[in-house]
């Protein structure tokens, strides 16, 4: 991946990931793009209370935008940007709404109510472009109702899109949608400060009605395809495994980005280094001593991330002058992410 090339001063970043396992709090802000019962379209409102959402977009039973906002609030997200797409939105309405995301600061998660594949791919493209522009965020959507979830996940195949299943009802309503669980998934991810936190088996607040459960064989196929499946656990919805839809690269299976924690860790580390160095940019000179200072600061930041259990190890940073551009220095970092534990196998050797 190439670093963005701009003329204005700043600290920019890029990264590449090498897969090692495959053969071939205070919460952050969320944005919600969804249908509104009031018909309002393509405006941005910052919502922190449910009453404000009801006043603007209708009740949770009548408005998907209000329902998704309520689920976020119930699960600890208090800073929410709502973008309505009208009462009967088209694919073009969603794409226009996604364009508004670029102007929002501090948004780490985007929830969208549609399961249409074309819209999901459009959001994947938008979030990938945002990440290249140093606005890292993750999208959460439900699987489409009219197609196989596995096929949908493979078609999206993006580390910045998470698809949830199955379709459920919320608060006894008649509408069945996997988008309700997408909002819950987003909240579970955003409310934790630790990007390496294991979200597997996390439980979401809210009154969700599940219908026919998946068989173990079907569940395995969904998880392998990158679908994040919930199941009922008492009165709560429990996330079985926190995944993204990125399961292949150029048609070859590649699980490097399959775990959501991998993407969150990379974003956390890169943003941390970028913020650290940006504070040092003013008045800096591209001298050997200045590059040594940058190298030391980056190493200290990586060491701090390792101490916090966010990364497992790192290589000494390398800071050099960019060839043919004496006003630019390049800081290269290499680190290994921490993996969450999702299974324990007990092997018993018994003598009788």
Protein backbone atom coordinates (compact mmCIF):
# COMPACT_ATOMS: atom_id res chain seq x y z
CA UNK A 1 0.00 0.00 0.00
CA UNK A 2 1.45 3.39 -0.95
CA UNK A 3 1.50 6.40 1.33
CA UNK A 4 -0.76 9.27 0.28
CA UNK A 5 1.29 11.98 -1.47
CA UNK A 6 0.29 15.51 -0.47
CA UNK A 7 2.15 18.81 -0.55
CA UNK A 8 0.84 20.16 2.75
CA UNK A 9 2.89 19.46 5.92
CA UNK A 10 1.64 16.56 7.99
CA UNK A 11 2.26 13.02 9.17
CA UNK A 12 0.80 10.37 6.86
CA UNK A 13 0.80 6.59 7.10
CA UNK A 14 0.30 3.36 5.25
CA UNK A 15 0.63 -0.28 6.22
CA UNK A 16 0.83 -3.77 4.83
CA UNK A 17 -0.08 -6.97 6.63
CA UNK A 18 1.67 -10.32 6.42
CA UNK A 19 -0.57 -13.23 7.40
CA UNK A 20 1.10 -15.81 9.64
CA UNK A 21 -1.74 -18.30 10.07
CA UNK A 22 -3.18 -18.74 6.56
CA UNK A 23 -1.87 -20.92 3.76
CA UNK A 24 -3.22 -19.25 0.45
CA UNK A 25 -14.98 2.78 28.88
CA UNK A 26 -15.40 5.89 27.20
CA UNK A 27 -16.87 5.02 23.87
CA UNK A 28 -15.99 6.52 20.52
CA UNK A 29 -18.49 8.15 18.19
CA UNK A 30 -20.70 6.23 15.78
CA UNK A 31 -22.61 7.27 12.67
CA UNK A 32 -25.95 5.73 11.68
CA UNK A 33 -27.22 5.77 8.09
CA UNK A 34 -30.78 4.51 7.94
CA UNK A 35 -34.38 5.10 6.89
CA UNK A 36 -36.42 7.65 8.80
CA UNK A 37 -40.18 7.59 9.35
CA UNK A 38 -40.32 11.37 8.97
CA UNK A 39 -38.90 11.23 5.46
CA UNK A 40 -35.99 13.49 6.34
CA UNK A 41 -33.04 12.96 4.03
CA UNK A 42 -29.28 13.63 3.90
CA UNK A 43 -28.85 15.82 6.95
CA UNK A 44 -26.48 15.21 9.85
CA UNK A 45 -27.61 15.52 13.47
CA UNK A 46 -25.50 14.74 16.51
CA UNK A 47 -27.67 12.74 18.92
CA UNK A 48 -26.85 11.88 22.51
CA UNK A 49 -30.28 11.08 23.93
CA UNK A 50 -33.03 8.77 22.74
CA UNK A 51 -35.68 11.47 23.11
CA UNK A 52 -33.83 13.60 20.58
CA UNK A 53 -33.84 10.74 18.06
CA UNK A 54 -37.56 10.09 18.58
CA UNK A 55 -38.35 13.78 18.11
CA UNK A 56 -36.31 13.97 14.92
CA UNK A 57 -37.06 10.64 13.24
CA UNK A 58 -40.05 8.96 14.89
CA UNK A 59 -40.36 6.10 17.36
CA UNK A 60 -38.13 3.04 17.38
CA UNK A 61 -41.05 0.94 16.11
CA UNK A 62 -41.68 3.24 13.15
CA UNK A 63 -38.15 4.37 12.28
CA UNK A 64 -35.15 2.16 11.68
CA UNK A 65 -32.85 5.13 12.31
CA UNK A 66 -34.30 5.62 15.78
CA UNK A 67 -34.17 1.89 16.58
CA UNK A 68 -30.50 1.57 15.64
CA UNK A 69 -29.70 4.72 17.61
CA UNK A 70 -31.51 3.29 20.63
CA UNK A 71 -29.49 0.07 20.47
CA UNK A 72 -26.26 2.05 20.36
CA UNK A 73 -27.31 4.12 23.37
CA UNK A 74 -28.44 1.05 25.32
CA UNK A 75 -24.98 -0.43 24.83
CA UNK A 76 -22.95 2.56 25.93
CA UNK A 77 -22.47 4.74 22.84
CA UNK A 78 -23.50 8.29 23.63
CA UNK A 79 -21.99 10.25 20.74
CA UNK A 80 -23.97 9.41 17.61
CA UNK A 81 -24.27 11.14 14.23
CA UNK A 82 -27.57 10.32 12.52
CA UNK A 83 -27.87 10.56 8.74
CA UNK A 84 -31.41 9.81 7.47
CA UNK A 85 -31.94 8.59 3.92
CA UNK A 86 -35.69 9.19 3.65
CA UNK A 87 -38.63 6.87 4.25
CA UNK A 88 -38.06 4.70 1.15
CA UNK A 89 -34.36 5.13 0.34
CA UNK A 90 -32.68 4.16 -2.91
CA UNK A 91 -29.10 2.98 -3.40
CA UNK A 92 -28.23 6.47 -4.58
CA UNK A 93 -29.58 7.93 -1.32
CA UNK A 94 -27.26 5.69 0.66
CA UNK A 95 -24.25 6.59 -1.46
CA UNK A 96 -24.98 10.29 -1.00
CA UNK A 97 -25.24 9.73 2.74
CA UNK A 98 -21.90 7.90 2.79
CA UNK A 99 -20.32 10.91 1.13
CA UNK A 100 -21.27 12.95 4.21
CA UNK A 101 -19.17 10.68 6.44
CA UNK A 102 -15.96 12.30 5.23
CA UNK A 103 -16.81 15.53 7.01
CA UNK A 104 -17.37 13.88 10.40
CA UNK A 105 -14.51 13.89 12.91
CA UNK A 106 -13.95 11.23 15.55
CA UNK A 107 -16.32 8.63 14.07
CA UNK A 108 -14.97 5.11 14.53
CA UNK A 109 -18.00 3.02 13.59
CA UNK A 110 -20.71 3.31 10.91
CA UNK A 111 -24.01 1.43 11.13
CA UNK A 112 -26.23 1.06 8.07
CA UNK A 113 -29.68 -0.53 7.93
CA UNK A 114 -29.74 -1.98 4.42
CA UNK A 115 -28.67 -5.45 3.37
CA UNK A 116 -28.43 -4.57 -0.33
CA UNK A 117 -25.13 -5.85 -1.67
CA UNK A 118 -24.51 -2.83 -3.90
CA UNK A 119 -24.88 -0.51 -0.92
CA UNK A 120 -22.63 -2.68 1.23
CA UNK A 121 -19.96 -2.57 -1.44
CA UNK A 122 -20.39 1.20 -1.74
CA UNK A 123 -19.81 1.60 2.00
CA UNK A 124 -16.78 -0.68 1.78
CA UNK A 125 -15.34 1.57 -0.92
CA UNK A 126 -16.06 4.72 1.09
CA UNK A 127 -14.47 3.39 4.29
CA UNK A 128 -11.43 2.11 2.41
CA UNK A 129 -10.96 5.56 0.87
CA UNK A 130 -11.46 7.19 4.28
CA UNK A 131 -8.79 4.95 5.79
CA UNK A 132 -6.37 5.95 3.04
CA UNK A 133 -7.10 9.57 4.00
CA UNK A 134 -6.26 8.86 7.67
CA UNK A 135 -9.90 8.57 8.80
CA UNK A 136 -10.00 5.00 10.07
CA UNK A 137 -13.46 3.55 10.80
CA UNK A 138 -15.37 0.25 10.60
CA UNK A 139 -18.78 -0.38 8.99
CA UNK A 140 -21.44 -2.65 10.52
CA UNK A 141 -24.34 -3.97 8.44
CA UNK A 142 -26.78 -6.87 8.48
CA UNK A 143 -26.78 -9.71 5.97
CA UNK A 144 -29.26 -9.25 3.11
CA UNK A 145 -32.62 -10.95 3.53
CA UNK A 146 -32.84 -12.16 -0.05
CA UNK A 147 -29.51 -13.98 -0.46
CA UNK A 148 -27.19 -16.40 1.29
CA UNK A 149 -25.17 -14.67 4.04
CA UNK A 150 -22.00 -16.53 3.08
CA UNK A 151 -22.21 -15.31 -0.51
CA UNK A 152 -22.84 -11.75 0.63
CA UNK A 153 -19.81 -11.75 2.95
CA UNK A 154 -17.56 -13.15 0.23
CA UNK A 155 -18.85 -10.55 -2.25
CA UNK A 156 -18.08 -7.68 0.14
CA UNK A 157 -14.72 -9.14 1.30
CA UNK A 158 -13.50 -6.00 3.05
CA UNK A 159 -11.65 -5.68 6.35
CA UNK A 160 -13.65 -2.53 7.12
CA UNK A 161 -17.09 -4.14 6.77
CA UNK A 162 -18.67 -6.49 9.31
CA UNK A 163 -21.87 -8.34 8.43
CA UNK A 164 -24.14 -9.71 11.14
CA UNK A 165 -26.69 -12.52 11.21
CA UNK A 166 -29.41 -13.63 11.74
CA UNK A 167 -32.38 -11.34 11.18
CA UNK A 168 -34.11 -10.59 14.49
CA UNK A 169 -37.00 -8.51 15.77
CA UNK A 170 -36.43 -5.63 18.19
CA UNK A 171 -38.68 -4.85 21.15
CA UNK A 172 -41.46 -7.10 19.86
CA UNK A 173 -41.80 -5.30 16.53
CA UNK A 174 -42.87 -6.97 13.31
CA UNK A 175 -39.77 -5.93 11.34
CA UNK A 176 -37.07 -8.58 11.14
CA UNK A 177 -33.60 -7.31 10.28
CA UNK A 178 -29.98 -8.24 10.97
CA UNK A 179 -29.23 -4.51 11.12
CA UNK A 180 -30.38 -4.49 14.75
CA UNK A 181 -27.50 -6.82 15.57
CA UNK A 182 -25.14 -4.70 13.46
CA UNK A 183 -25.85 -1.77 15.77
CA UNK A 184 -25.24 -3.99 18.79
CA UNK A 185 -21.95 -5.21 17.28
CA UNK A 186 -20.82 -1.64 16.63
CA UNK A 187 -21.57 -0.66 20.22
CA UNK A 188 -19.72 -3.67 21.64
CA UNK A 189 -16.64 -2.69 19.63
CA UNK A 190 -16.72 1.04 20.34
CA UNK A 191 -17.38 0.99 24.06
CA UNK A 192 -14.08 -0.70 24.86
CA UNK A 193 -10.89 1.35 25.07
CA UNK A 194 -8.66 -1.68 24.45
CA UNK A 195 -8.57 -2.42 20.70
CA UNK A 196 -7.20 -5.88 21.41
CA UNK A 197 -10.10 -6.77 23.71
CA UNK A 198 -11.68 -10.11 22.90
CA UNK A 199 -15.27 -9.45 21.82
CA UNK A 200 -16.14 -13.11 21.36
CA UNK A 201 -19.15 -14.08 23.51
CA UNK A 202 -19.84 -10.44 24.39
CA UNK A 203 -23.49 -9.78 25.22
CA UNK A 204 -25.53 -6.84 23.96
CA UNK A 205 -28.32 -5.12 25.86
CA UNK A 206 -31.73 -4.81 24.25
CA UNK A 207 -34.88 -6.83 23.66
CA UNK A 208 -34.08 -8.99 20.63
CA UNK A 209 -36.31 -11.81 19.38
CA UNK A 210 -34.48 -14.67 17.69
CA UNK A 211 -36.22 -17.21 15.50
CA UNK A 212 -34.90 -20.54 14.13
CA UNK A 213 -31.32 -21.08 15.36
CA UNK A 214 -28.54 -22.14 13.00
CA UNK A 215 -27.30 -25.71 13.03
CA UNK A 216 -23.67 -26.20 14.03
CA UNK A 217 -22.72 -27.00 10.42
CA UNK A 218 -24.40 -23.84 9.13
CA UNK A 219 -22.86 -21.79 11.94
CA UNK A 220 -19.41 -23.06 11.01
CA UNK A 221 -19.95 -22.15 7.36
CA UNK A 222 -21.10 -18.64 8.28
CA UNK A 223 -18.13 -17.99 10.53
CA UNK A 224 -15.70 -19.31 7.93
CA UNK A 225 -17.21 -16.90 5.40
CA UNK A 226 -16.67 -13.95 7.72
CA UNK A 227 -20.23 -13.49 8.99
CA UNK A 228 -20.47 -12.35 12.62
CA UNK A 229 -23.25 -14.45 14.11
CA UNK A 230 -25.25 -13.68 17.24
CA UNK A 231 -27.37 -16.08 19.24
CA UNK A 232 -29.80 -15.70 22.09
CA UNK A 233 -28.32 -15.92 25.59
CA UNK A 234 -31.10 -15.52 28.11
CA UNK A 235 -32.61 -12.09 27.46
CA UNK A 236 -29.53 -10.79 25.65
CA UNK A 237 -27.90 -11.19 22.24
CA UNK A 238 -24.49 -12.85 22.38
CA UNK A 239 -21.85 -12.37 19.70
CA UNK A 240 -20.31 -15.74 18.93
CA UNK A 241 -17.23 -14.38 17.18
CA UNK A 242 -16.11 -10.87 16.17
CA UNK A 243 -15.16 -11.05 12.50
CA UNK A 244 -14.82 -8.92 9.38
CA UNK A 245 -15.77 -10.04 5.87
CA UNK A 246 -12.15 -10.03 4.65
CA UNK A 247 -11.38 -13.71 4.07
CA UNK A 248 -9.54 -13.73 0.73
CA UNK A 249 -7.05 -11.78 -1.35
CA UNK A 250 -7.06 -12.04 -5.14
CA UNK A 251 -9.25 -15.13 -4.93
CA UNK A 252 -6.96 -16.93 -2.49
CA UNK A 253 -8.03 -17.60 1.09
CA UNK A 254 -6.31 -15.15 3.43
CA UNK A 255 -7.43 -14.77 7.04
CA UNK A 256 -5.03 -11.94 7.93
CA UNK A 257 -7.89 -9.47 8.46
CA UNK A 258 -10.61 -11.94 9.47
CA UNK A 259 -10.49 -11.03 13.16
CA UNK A 260 -11.96 -7.59 13.88
CA UNK A 261 -9.37 -7.06 16.62
CA UNK A 262 -6.61 -7.17 13.99
CA UNK A 263 -8.03 -4.15 12.16
CA UNK A 264 -8.72 -2.30 15.41
CA UNK A 265 -5.16 -2.88 16.67
CA UNK A 266 -3.60 -1.68 13.43
CA UNK A 267 -5.76 1.45 13.46
CA UNK A 268 -4.94 2.12 17.11
CA UNK A 269 -1.19 1.77 16.67
CA UNK A 270 -0.98 3.79 13.45
CA UNK A 271 -3.20 6.57 14.77
CA UNK A 272 -1.15 6.68 17.98
CA UNK A 273 2.14 7.03 16.13
CA UNK A 274 0.69 9.55 13.72
CA UNK A 275 -0.65 11.72 16.56
CA UNK A 276 2.65 11.50 18.43
CA UNK A 277 4.73 12.60 15.46
CA UNK A 278 2.34 15.32 14.34
CA UNK A 279 2.91 17.07 17.66
CA UNK A 280 6.65 17.10 16.91
CA UNK A 281 6.43 18.30 13.31
CA UNK A 282 6.29 22.05 13.87
CA UNK A 283 9.75 23.58 13.58
CA UNK A 284 11.41 20.21 13.00
CA UNK A 285 14.43 19.73 10.75
CA UNK A 286 15.22 16.66 8.69
CA UNK A 287 18.61 16.06 10.30
CA UNK A 288 20.22 12.88 11.57
CA UNK A 289 19.60 13.91 15.19
CA UNK A 290 15.96 14.74 14.45
CA UNK A 291 15.46 11.37 12.79
CA UNK A 292 17.09 9.67 15.79
CA UNK A 293 14.60 11.48 18.03
CA UNK A 294 11.69 10.31 15.84
CA UNK A 295 13.04 6.76 15.96
CA UNK A 296 13.22 6.89 19.74
CA UNK A 297 9.71 8.31 20.11
CA UNK A 298 8.21 5.68 17.82
CA UNK A 299 10.03 2.91 19.67
CA UNK A 300 8.70 4.23 22.98
CA UNK A 301 5.16 4.31 21.61
CA UNK A 302 5.44 0.74 20.33
CA UNK A 303 6.87 -0.34 23.67
CA UNK A 304 3.91 1.26 25.41
CA UNK A 305 1.48 -0.59 23.13
CA UNK A 306 3.27 -3.86 23.93
CA UNK A 307 3.10 -3.13 27.66
CA UNK A 308 -0.65 -2.53 27.33
CA UNK A 309 -1.07 -5.89 25.58
CA UNK A 310 -2.14 -4.35 22.28
CA UNK A 311 0.76 -5.71 20.24
CA UNK A 312 2.82 -8.82 20.88
CA UNK A 313 6.21 -7.65 19.59
CA UNK A 314 7.84 -5.09 17.32
CA UNK A 315 11.00 -4.51 15.34
CA UNK A 316 13.23 -1.45 15.92
CA UNK A 317 11.82 1.44 13.85
CA UNK A 318 13.81 2.63 10.85
CA UNK A 319 13.71 6.33 9.98
CA UNK A 320 15.28 7.55 6.74
CA UNK A 321 15.16 10.45 4.30
CA UNK A 322 12.85 9.76 1.39
CA UNK A 323 14.73 9.38 -1.86
CA UNK A 324 14.69 12.57 -3.98
CA UNK A 325 12.55 14.35 -1.35
CA UNK A 326 14.85 15.84 1.31
CA UNK A 327 11.96 17.46 3.19
CA UNK A 328 10.31 14.08 3.85
CA UNK A 329 11.42 11.38 6.25
CA UNK A 330 10.01 7.85 6.28
CA UNK A 331 9.42 6.00 9.55
CA UNK A 332 9.05 2.26 9.01
CA UNK A 333 7.51 0.15 11.76
CA UNK A 334 6.88 -3.58 11.98
CA UNK A 335 4.82 -5.18 14.73
CA UNK A 336 2.81 -8.32 15.49
CA UNK A 337 -0.76 -7.97 16.72
CA UNK A 338 -2.14 -9.76 19.76
CA UNK A 339 -4.76 -12.41 18.99
CA UNK A 340 -7.79 -13.08 21.13
CA UNK A 341 -8.45 -16.57 22.46
CA UNK A 342 -11.57 -18.09 20.93
CA UNK A 343 -11.20 -21.76 21.81
CA UNK A 344 -9.53 -24.04 24.36
CA UNK A 345 -8.99 -27.67 23.37
CA UNK A 346 -8.65 -30.10 26.28
CA UNK A 347 -6.72 -33.27 25.51
CA UNK A 348 -7.13 -35.84 28.25
CA UNK A 349 -4.90 -38.89 28.53
CA UNK A 350 -6.67 -41.19 30.99
CA UNK A 351 -5.25 -44.34 32.54
CA UNK A 352 -7.77 -46.77 34.03
